[in-house]
Amino acid sequence: MTRAQVQLFVLVGLLFFLGALVLPALAQMREAEGRLQSVNNLKQLGISMHNFYSAHKRMPLMGGKHPVAQGSTFFHLLPYIEQDFLYRMAEKDSWAIADSVIPVLTDPRDTSAADYPYQKLIATTSYAGNWQVFNGKYTLLVPDGTSNTLAFVNRFQVCSGTPNAWAYSRLYTWSPMFGYYSTAMFQTNPRQADCDPYVGQAIGPIMLASLCDGSARSVAPSVSPLTWYCATDPADGLSLGNDW
């Protein structure tokens, strides 16, 4: 082996070594940046919920006509997340703008909707509202306390072929909600074949959520199903576990 070949061999080995160090670090950096952006999105949703309440003295419905427009929770919140023009363009029906992609409703880490046919017709979201809160029964002052009750959580844009359509205004699997069909624990990065559209999905190692007090936080997968249920139900009268 010539000297040049030895030098080339050493250089290639060094590049592989550096790649093994750098690539995981870059992946962790992208995860951290995406998580921060998603937390900011959830905070905006929490604030918009409070602003909606201040204007209407009631919570936005998960689906239906409220106050005068037919739409989902996210549709009713559009004027409070700097999307007033889009809200007015819908002319009181969210389905008219169902193909509109809204950045604040998308977690940058969520790749579940890539090349999905529904995306050309129905824009999806990486978040879901708590039907237990947005079902028309409660004001902002939920019985169990705003800091103990979930408002929004992560949910895959597409889960086992089911789109999480932000503008869908009926109580159906396409609706951007959780806590309606099931109050079971969220999933953590499930495969599409194992994805349950009835619950939320953590995008990354932990679940991100917005509470009814407007704050955003992470929830570890180690939290118990009972604690998660208590945080989902706004009026069960139970205290959250020490794992919260």
C-alpha atoms as a PDB file:
ATOM      1  CA  MET A   1       0.000   0.000   0.000  1.00  0.00           C
ATOM      2  CA  THR A   2       1.416   3.351  -1.013  1.00  0.00           C
ATOM      3  CA  ARG A   3       1.719   6.312   1.312  1.00  0.00           C
ATOM      4  CA  ALA A   4      -1.085   8.092  -0.538  1.00  0.00           C
ATOM      5  CA  GLN A   5      -3.359   5.077  -0.115  1.00  0.00           C
ATOM      6  CA  VAL A   6      -2.583   4.932   3.598  1.00  0.00           C
ATOM      7  CA  GLN A   7      -3.388   8.632   3.949  1.00  0.00           C
ATOM      8  CA  LEU A   8      -6.650   8.150   2.053  1.00  0.00           C
ATOM      9  CA  PHE A   9      -7.557   5.175   4.242  1.00  0.00           C
ATOM     10  CA  VAL A  10      -6.883   7.198   7.387  1.00  0.00           C
ATOM     11  CA  LEU A  11      -8.886  10.146   6.045  1.00  0.00           C
ATOM     12  CA  VAL A  12     -11.892   7.975   5.210  1.00  0.00           C
ATOM     13  CA  GLY A  13     -11.749   6.372   8.648  1.00  0.00           C
ATOM     14  CA  LEU A  14     -11.589   9.799  10.258  1.00  0.00           C
ATOM     15  CA  LEU A  15     -14.616  10.984   8.286  1.00  0.00           C
ATOM     16  CA  PHE A  16     -16.608   7.928   9.340  1.00  0.00           C
ATOM     17  CA  PHE A  17     -15.608   8.551  12.948  1.00  0.00           C
ATOM     18  CA  LEU A  18     -16.613  12.205  12.788  1.00  0.00           C
ATOM     19  CA  GLY A  19     -19.881  11.270  11.086  1.00  0.00           C
ATOM     20  CA  ALA A  20     -20.682   8.840  13.869  1.00  0.00           C
ATOM     21  CA  LEU A  21     -20.229  11.689  16.340  1.00  0.00           C
ATOM     22  CA  VAL A  22     -21.864  14.508  14.388  1.00  0.00           C
ATOM     23  CA  LEU A  23     -24.977  12.831  12.939  1.00  0.00           C
ATOM     24  CA  PRO A  24     -26.524  11.860  16.307  1.00  0.00           C
ATOM     25  CA  ALA A  25     -25.776  15.348  17.602  1.00  0.00           C
ATOM     26  CA  LEU A  26     -27.505  16.906  14.589  1.00  0.00           C
ATOM     27  CA  ALA A  27     -30.503  14.627  15.069  1.00  0.00           C
ATOM     28  CA  GLN A  28     -30.751  15.637  18.725  1.00  0.00           C
ATOM     29  CA  MET A  29     -30.475  19.301  17.735  1.00  0.00           C
ATOM     30  CA  ARG A  30     -33.285  18.967  15.189  1.00  0.00           C
ATOM     31  CA  GLU A  31     -35.444  17.181  17.760  1.00  0.00           C
ATOM     32  CA  ALA A  32     -34.813  19.932  20.322  1.00  0.00           C
ATOM     33  CA  GLU A  33     -35.581  22.700  17.818  1.00  0.00           C
ATOM     34  CA  GLY A  34     -38.744  20.966  16.657  1.00  0.00           C
ATOM     35  CA  ARG A  35     -39.873  20.371  20.229  1.00  0.00           C
ATOM     36  CA  LEU A  36     -39.352  24.042  21.101  1.00  0.00           C
ATOM     37  CA  GLN A  37     -41.391  25.131  18.085  1.00  0.00           C
ATOM     38  CA  SER A  38     -44.163  22.715  19.016  1.00  0.00           C
ATOM     39  CA  VAL A  39     -44.219  24.008  22.599  1.00  0.00           C
ATOM     40  CA  ASN A  40     -44.577  27.543  21.226  1.00  0.00           C
ATOM     41  CA  ASN A  41     -47.453  26.379  19.008  1.00  0.00           C
ATOM     42  CA  LEU A  42     -49.221  24.848  21.988  1.00  0.00           C
ATOM     43  CA  LYS A  43     -48.729  28.020  24.013  1.00  0.00           C
ATOM     44  CA  GLN A  44     -50.308  30.034  21.196  1.00  0.00           C
ATOM     45  CA  LEU A  45     -53.275  27.670  21.162  1.00  0.00           C
ATOM     46  CA  GLY A  46     -53.652  28.016  24.922  1.00  0.00           C
ATOM     47  CA  ILE A  47     -53.564  31.808  24.720  1.00  0.00           C
ATOM     48  CA  SER A  48     -56.031  31.821  21.815  1.00  0.00           C
ATOM     49  CA  MET A  49     -58.442  29.714  23.877  1.00  0.00           C
ATOM     50  CA  HIS A  50     -58.321  32.317  26.655  1.00  0.00           C
ATOM     51  CA  ASN A  51     -58.823  35.165  24.169  1.00  0.00           C
ATOM     52  CA  PHE A  52     -61.793  33.360  22.654  1.00  0.00           C
ATOM     53  CA  TYR A  53     -63.291  32.979  26.099  1.00  0.00           C
ATOM     54  CA  SER A  54     -62.751  36.657  26.851  1.00  0.00           C
ATOM     55  CA  ALA A  55     -64.641  37.560  23.674  1.00  0.00           C
ATOM     56  CA  HIS A  56     -67.506  35.032  23.904  1.00  0.00           C
ATOM     57  CA  LYS A  57     -67.678  33.984  27.591  1.00  0.00           C
ATOM     58  CA  ARG A  58     -67.711  30.339  26.568  1.00  0.00           C
ATOM     59  CA  MET A  59     -65.343  27.710  25.230  1.00  0.00           C
ATOM     60  CA  PRO A  60     -65.163  26.922  21.502  1.00  0.00           C
ATOM     61  CA  LEU A  61     -66.993  23.754  20.524  1.00  0.00           C
ATOM     62  CA  MET A  62     -65.138  20.743  19.171  1.00  0.00           C
ATOM     63  CA  GLY A  63     -67.549  20.711  16.269  1.00  0.00           C
ATOM     64  CA  GLY A  64     -70.693  22.565  15.333  1.00  0.00           C
ATOM     65  CA  LYS A  65     -72.079  26.069  14.947  1.00  0.00           C
ATOM     66  CA  HIS A  66     -70.480  28.412  17.423  1.00  0.00           C
ATOM     67  CA  PRO A  67     -71.068  31.265  17.862  1.00  0.00           C
ATOM     68  CA  VAL A  68     -72.454  31.689  14.314  1.00  0.00           C
ATOM     69  CA  ALA A  69     -69.986  29.699  12.197  1.00  0.00           C
ATOM     70  CA  GLN A  70     -69.859  25.957  11.514  1.00  0.00           C
ATOM     71  CA  GLY A  71     -66.430  24.568  12.320  1.00  0.00           C
ATOM     72  CA  SER A  72     -63.968  22.768  14.556  1.00  0.00           C
ATOM     73  CA  THR A  73     -62.299  24.117  17.678  1.00  0.00           C
ATOM     74  CA  PHE A  74     -59.263  25.146  15.628  1.00  0.00           C
ATOM     75  CA  PHE A  75     -61.476  26.947  13.126  1.00  0.00           C
ATOM     76  CA  HIS A  76     -63.140  28.983  15.878  1.00  0.00           C
ATOM     77  CA  LEU A  77     -59.682  29.909  17.194  1.00  0.00           C
ATOM     78  CA  LEU A  78     -58.379  31.185  13.834  1.00  0.00           C
ATOM     79  CA  PRO A  79     -58.991  34.899  14.590  1.00  0.00           C
ATOM     80  CA  TYR A  80     -56.898  34.500  17.754  1.00  0.00           C
ATOM     81  CA  ILE A  81     -53.872  32.875  16.075  1.00  0.00           C
ATOM     82  CA  GLU A  82     -53.448  35.656  13.494  1.00  0.00           C
ATOM     83  CA  GLN A  83     -55.624  33.924  10.884  1.00  0.00           C
ATOM     84  CA  ASP A  84     -58.575  36.321  10.891  1.00  0.00           C
ATOM     85  CA  PHE A  85     -58.440  36.773   7.105  1.00  0.00           C
ATOM     86  CA  LEU A  86     -58.695  33.014   6.566  1.00  0.00           C
ATOM     87  CA  TYR A  87     -61.569  32.830   9.062  1.00  0.00           C
ATOM     88  CA  ARG A  88     -63.514  35.523   7.227  1.00  0.00           C
ATOM     89  CA  MET A  89     -62.740  33.943   3.853  1.00  0.00           C
ATOM     90  CA  ALA A  90     -64.487  30.746   5.002  1.00  0.00           C
ATOM     91  CA  GLU A  91     -67.801  32.604   5.218  1.00  0.00           C
ATOM     92  CA  LYS A  92     -68.880  30.782   8.398  1.00  0.00           C
ATOM     93  CA  ASP A  93     -68.052  27.248   7.253  1.00  0.00           C
ATOM     94  CA  SER A  94     -64.659  25.671   7.987  1.00  0.00           C
ATOM     95  CA  TRP A  95     -65.041  23.155   5.163  1.00  0.00           C
ATOM     96  CA  ALA A  96     -64.613  26.002   2.659  1.00  0.00           C
ATOM     97  CA  ILE A  97     -60.980  26.383   3.745  1.00  0.00           C
ATOM     98  CA  ALA A  98     -60.266  22.777   4.754  1.00  0.00           C
ATOM     99  CA  ASP A  99     -57.297  22.573   2.368  1.00  0.00           C
ATOM    100  CA  SER A 100     -55.471  25.499   4.001  1.00  0.00           C
ATOM    101  CA  VAL A 101     -52.185  24.551   5.685  1.00  0.00           C
ATOM    102  CA  ILE A 102     -51.644  26.519   8.913  1.00  0.00           C
ATOM    103  CA  PRO A 103     -48.063  26.453  10.259  1.00  0.00           C
ATOM    104  CA  VAL A 104     -49.003  26.956  13.920  1.00  0.00           C
ATOM    105  CA  LEU A 105     -51.113  23.789  13.717  1.00  0.00           C
ATOM    106  CA  THR A 106     -48.189  21.671  12.527  1.00  0.00           C
ATOM    107  CA  ASP A 107     -45.391  20.146  14.599  1.00  0.00           C
ATOM    108  CA  PRO A 108     -42.224  20.357  12.439  1.00  0.00           C
ATOM    109  CA  ARG A 109     -41.218  16.882  13.653  1.00  0.00           C
ATOM    110  CA  ASP A 110     -44.433  15.277  12.407  1.00  0.00           C
ATOM    111  CA  THR A 111     -43.770  13.477   9.098  1.00  0.00           C
ATOM    112  CA  SER A 112     -46.856  11.256   9.204  1.00  0.00           C
ATOM    113  CA  ALA A 113     -48.635  13.191   6.443  1.00  0.00           C
ATOM    114  CA  ALA A 114     -45.792  13.120   3.902  1.00  0.00           C
ATOM    115  CA  ASP A 115     -47.091  12.321   0.393  1.00  0.00           C
ATOM    116  CA  TYR A 116     -50.491  11.449   1.809  1.00  0.00           C
ATOM    117  CA  PRO A 117     -53.360  11.839  -0.686  1.00  0.00           C
ATOM    118  CA  TYR A 118     -55.646  13.590   1.794  1.00  0.00           C
ATOM    119  CA  GLN A 119     -53.102  16.396   2.066  1.00  0.00           C
ATOM    120  CA  LYS A 120     -54.093  17.681  -1.395  1.00  0.00           C
ATOM    121  CA  LEU A 121     -57.713  18.033  -0.325  1.00  0.00           C
ATOM    122  CA  ILE A 122     -57.755  18.194   3.463  1.00  0.00           C
ATOM    123  CA  ALA A 123     -55.056  19.931   5.494  1.00  0.00           C
ATOM    124  CA  THR A 124     -54.083  18.089   8.657  1.00  0.00           C
ATOM    125  CA  THR A 125     -52.809  19.132  12.077  1.00  0.00           C
ATOM    126  CA  SER A 126     -50.334  17.710  14.591  1.00  0.00           C
ATOM    127  CA  TYR A 127     -52.558  18.657  17.539  1.00  0.00           C
ATOM    128  CA  ALA A 128     -55.868  17.576  19.009  1.00  0.00           C
ATOM    129  CA  GLY A 129     -58.287  19.306  21.350  1.00  0.00           C
ATOM    130  CA  ASN A 130     -59.711  17.637  24.440  1.00  0.00           C
ATOM    131  CA  TRP A 131     -63.352  16.860  23.658  1.00  0.00           C
ATOM    132  CA  GLN A 132     -64.014  16.572  27.400  1.00  0.00           C
ATOM    133  CA  VAL A 133     -63.254  20.308  27.613  1.00  0.00           C
ATOM    134  CA  PHE A 134     -64.631  21.519  24.273  1.00  0.00           C
ATOM    135  CA  ASN A 135     -67.997  19.738  24.434  1.00  0.00           C
ATOM    136  CA  GLY A 136     -70.105  22.748  25.395  1.00  0.00           C
ATOM    137  CA  LYS A 137     -70.459  21.845  29.071  1.00  0.00           C
ATOM    138  CA  TYR A 138     -67.777  24.019  30.617  1.00  0.00           C
ATOM    139  CA  THR A 139     -66.542  27.550  30.824  1.00  0.00           C
ATOM    140  CA  LEU A 140     -62.832  28.244  31.105  1.00  0.00           C
ATOM    141  CA  LEU A 141     -63.092  27.561  34.853  1.00  0.00           C
ATOM    142  CA  VAL A 142     -63.233  23.775  34.637  1.00  0.00           C
ATOM    143  CA  PRO A 143     -64.174  21.996  37.907  1.00  0.00           C
ATOM    144  CA  ASP A 144     -60.853  20.213  38.456  1.00  0.00           C
ATOM    145  CA  GLY A 145     -58.815  23.365  37.878  1.00  0.00           C
ATOM    146  CA  THR A 146     -57.276  24.821  34.726  1.00  0.00           C
ATOM    147  CA  SER A 147     -53.730  23.781  35.686  1.00  0.00           C
ATOM    148  CA  ASN A 148     -54.826  20.157  36.106  1.00  0.00           C
ATOM    149  CA  THR A 149     -56.774  19.717  32.859  1.00  0.00           C
ATOM    150  CA  LEU A 150     -55.502  19.051  29.352  1.00  0.00           C
ATOM    151  CA  ALA A 151     -56.646  21.315  26.524  1.00  0.00           C
ATOM    152  CA  PHE A 152     -54.470  20.288  23.530  1.00  0.00           C
ATOM    153  CA  VAL A 153     -51.976  17.488  22.899  1.00  0.00           C
ATOM    154  CA  ASN A 154     -49.876  16.134  20.050  1.00  0.00           C
ATOM    155  CA  ARG A 155     -51.559  13.776  17.617  1.00  0.00           C
ATOM    156  CA  PHE A 156     -50.210  12.435  14.308  1.00  0.00           C
ATOM    157  CA  GLN A 157     -51.439  14.252  11.203  1.00  0.00           C
ATOM    158  CA  VAL A 158     -52.237  10.833   9.756  1.00  0.00           C
ATOM    159  CA  CYS A 159     -52.772   7.765  11.938  1.00  0.00           C
ATOM    160  CA  SER A 160     -53.421   4.345  10.398  1.00  0.00           C
ATOM    161  CA  GLY A 161     -54.886   5.998   7.320  1.00  0.00           C
ATOM    162  CA  THR A 162     -57.045   8.426   9.320  1.00  0.00           C
ATOM    163  CA  PRO A 163     -56.352  12.129   8.734  1.00  0.00           C
ATOM    164  CA  ASN A 164     -56.364  14.486  11.703  1.00  0.00           C
ATOM    165  CA  ALA A 165     -58.148  17.247   9.774  1.00  0.00           C
ATOM    166  CA  TRP A 166     -57.990  20.591  11.567  1.00  0.00           C
ATOM    167  CA  ALA A 167     -61.166  21.933   9.878  1.00  0.00           C
ATOM    168  CA  TYR A 168     -63.344  18.849  10.276  1.00  0.00           C
ATOM    169  CA  SER A 169     -66.431  19.918  12.208  1.00  0.00           C
ATOM    170  CA  ARG A 170     -68.206  16.660  12.985  1.00  0.00           C
ATOM    171  CA  LEU A 171     -67.644  14.205  15.843  1.00  0.00           C
ATOM    172  CA  TYR A 172     -65.852  11.597  13.781  1.00  0.00           C
ATOM    173  CA  THR A 173     -62.383  10.045  13.652  1.00  0.00           C
ATOM    174  CA  TRP A 174     -61.247  12.795  11.250  1.00  0.00           C
ATOM    175  CA  SER A 175     -62.035  15.452  13.835  1.00  0.00           C
ATOM    176  CA  PRO A 176     -58.926  16.961  15.558  1.00  0.00           C
ATOM    177  CA  MET A 177     -59.768  15.672  19.004  1.00  0.00           C
ATOM    178  CA  PHE A 178     -58.980  13.160  21.728  1.00  0.00           C
ATOM    179  CA  GLY A 179     -60.982  12.075  24.764  1.00  0.00           C
ATOM    180  CA  TYR A 180     -64.163  11.333  22.799  1.00  0.00           C
ATOM    181  CA  TYR A 181     -63.900   7.740  21.621  1.00  0.00           C
ATOM    182  CA  SER A 182     -61.308   6.905  24.255  1.00  0.00           C
ATOM    183  CA  THR A 183     -59.643   8.415  27.329  1.00  0.00           C
ATOM    184  CA  ALA A 184     -56.807   5.888  27.193  1.00  0.00           C
ATOM    185  CA  MET A 185     -53.108   6.767  27.421  1.00  0.00           C
ATOM    186  CA  PHE A 186     -51.337   8.389  24.518  1.00  0.00           C
ATOM    187  CA  GLN A 187     -48.960   6.447  22.291  1.00  0.00           C
ATOM    188  CA  THR A 188     -45.259   7.215  21.929  1.00  0.00           C
ATOM    189  CA  ASN A 189     -44.019   7.230  18.329  1.00  0.00           C
ATOM    190  CA  PRO A 190     -46.153   4.278  17.226  1.00  0.00           C
ATOM    191  CA  ARG A 191     -45.771   2.679  13.811  1.00  0.00           C
ATOM    192  CA  GLN A 192     -48.576   3.577  11.424  1.00  0.00           C
ATOM    193  CA  ALA A 193     -49.807  -0.015  11.575  1.00  0.00           C
ATOM    194  CA  ASP A 194     -50.169   0.300  15.366  1.00  0.00           C
ATOM    195  CA  CYS A 195     -51.419   3.889  15.486  1.00  0.00           C
ATOM    196  CA  ASP A 196     -54.724   4.499  17.294  1.00  0.00           C
ATOM    197  CA  PRO A 197     -56.568   7.590  15.957  1.00  0.00           C
ATOM    198  CA  TYR A 198     -58.745   7.666  19.087  1.00  0.00           C
ATOM    199  CA  VAL A 199     -55.845   8.838  21.293  1.00  0.00           C
ATOM    200  CA  GLY A 200     -52.919  11.246  21.076  1.00  0.00           C
ATOM    201  CA  GLN A 201     -49.428  10.370  19.847  1.00  0.00           C
ATOM    202  CA  ALA A 202     -46.181  11.722  21.282  1.00  0.00           C
ATOM    203  CA  ILE A 203     -43.998  12.971  18.423  1.00  0.00           C
ATOM    204  CA  GLY A 204     -40.571  12.248  19.837  1.00  0.00           C
ATOM    205  CA  PRO A 205     -39.701  10.761  23.230  1.00  0.00           C
ATOM    206  CA  ILE A 206     -42.285  12.734  25.263  1.00  0.00           C
ATOM    207  CA  MET A 207     -45.810  14.032  24.848  1.00  0.00           C
ATOM    208  CA  LEU A 208     -46.303  17.784  24.569  1.00  0.00           C
ATOM    209  CA  ALA A 209     -49.510  19.314  25.876  1.00  0.00           C
ATOM    210  CA  SER A 210     -51.255  22.590  26.575  1.00  0.00           C
ATOM    211  CA  LEU A 211     -53.291  22.932  29.762  1.00  0.00           C
ATOM    212  CA  CYS A 212     -56.455  24.930  30.295  1.00  0.00           C
ATOM    213  CA  ASP A 213     -54.504  27.621  32.147  1.00  0.00           C
ATOM    214  CA  GLY A 214     -52.682  28.380  28.878  1.00  0.00           C
ATOM    215  CA  SER A 215     -49.368  26.817  29.851  1.00  0.00           C
ATOM    216  CA  ALA A 216     -47.543  24.136  27.843  1.00  0.00           C
ATOM    217  CA  ARG A 217     -45.596  21.233  29.277  1.00  0.00           C
ATOM    218  CA  SER A 218     -44.175  17.821  28.537  1.00  0.00           C
ATOM    219  CA  VAL A 219     -45.655  14.560  29.797  1.00  0.00           C
ATOM    220  CA  ALA A 220     -43.396  11.532  30.190  1.00  0.00           C
ATOM    221  CA  PRO A 221     -44.512   8.168  28.758  1.00  0.00           C
ATOM    222  CA  SER A 222     -44.056   6.768  32.266  1.00  0.00           C
ATOM    223  CA  VAL A 223     -47.138   8.628  33.522  1.00  0.00           C
ATOM    224  CA  SER A 224     -49.816   6.171  34.605  1.00  0.00           C
ATOM    225  CA  PRO A 225     -53.017   5.635  32.589  1.00  0.00           C
ATOM    226  CA  LEU A 226     -55.020   6.739  35.645  1.00  0.00           C
ATOM    227  CA  THR A 227     -53.135  10.032  35.918  1.00  0.00           C
ATOM    228  CA  TRP A 228     -53.605  10.652  32.198  1.00  0.00           C
ATOM    229  CA  TYR A 229     -57.324   9.938  32.531  1.00  0.00           C
ATOM    230  CA  CYS A 230     -57.606  12.360  35.457  1.00  0.00           C
ATOM    231  CA  ALA A 231     -55.861  15.075  33.440  1.00  0.00           C
ATOM    232  CA  THR A 232     -58.215  14.446  30.508  1.00  0.00           C
ATOM    233  CA  ASP A 233     -61.465  14.534  32.483  1.00  0.00           C
ATOM    234  CA  PRO A 234     -62.120  18.097  33.703  1.00  0.00           C
ATOM    235  CA  ALA A 235     -64.647  17.061  36.341  1.00  0.00           C
ATOM    236  CA  ASP A 236     -63.718  13.673  37.791  1.00  0.00           C
ATOM    237  CA  GLY A 237     -62.856  15.187  41.164  1.00  0.00           C
ATOM    238  CA  LEU A 238     -59.653  13.113  41.408  1.00  0.00           C
ATOM    239  CA  SER A 239     -56.195  14.452  42.173  1.00  0.00           C
ATOM    240  CA  LEU A 240     -53.427  13.956  39.658  1.00  0.00           C
ATOM    241  CA  GLY A 241     -50.856  11.336  40.629  1.00  0.00           C
ATOM    242  CA  ASN A 242     -47.333  12.079  41.821  1.00  0.00           C
ATOM    243  CA  ASP A 243     -46.115  10.988  38.372  1.00  0.00           C
ATOM    244  CA  TRP A 244     -47.690  14.052  36.706  1.00  0.00           C
END
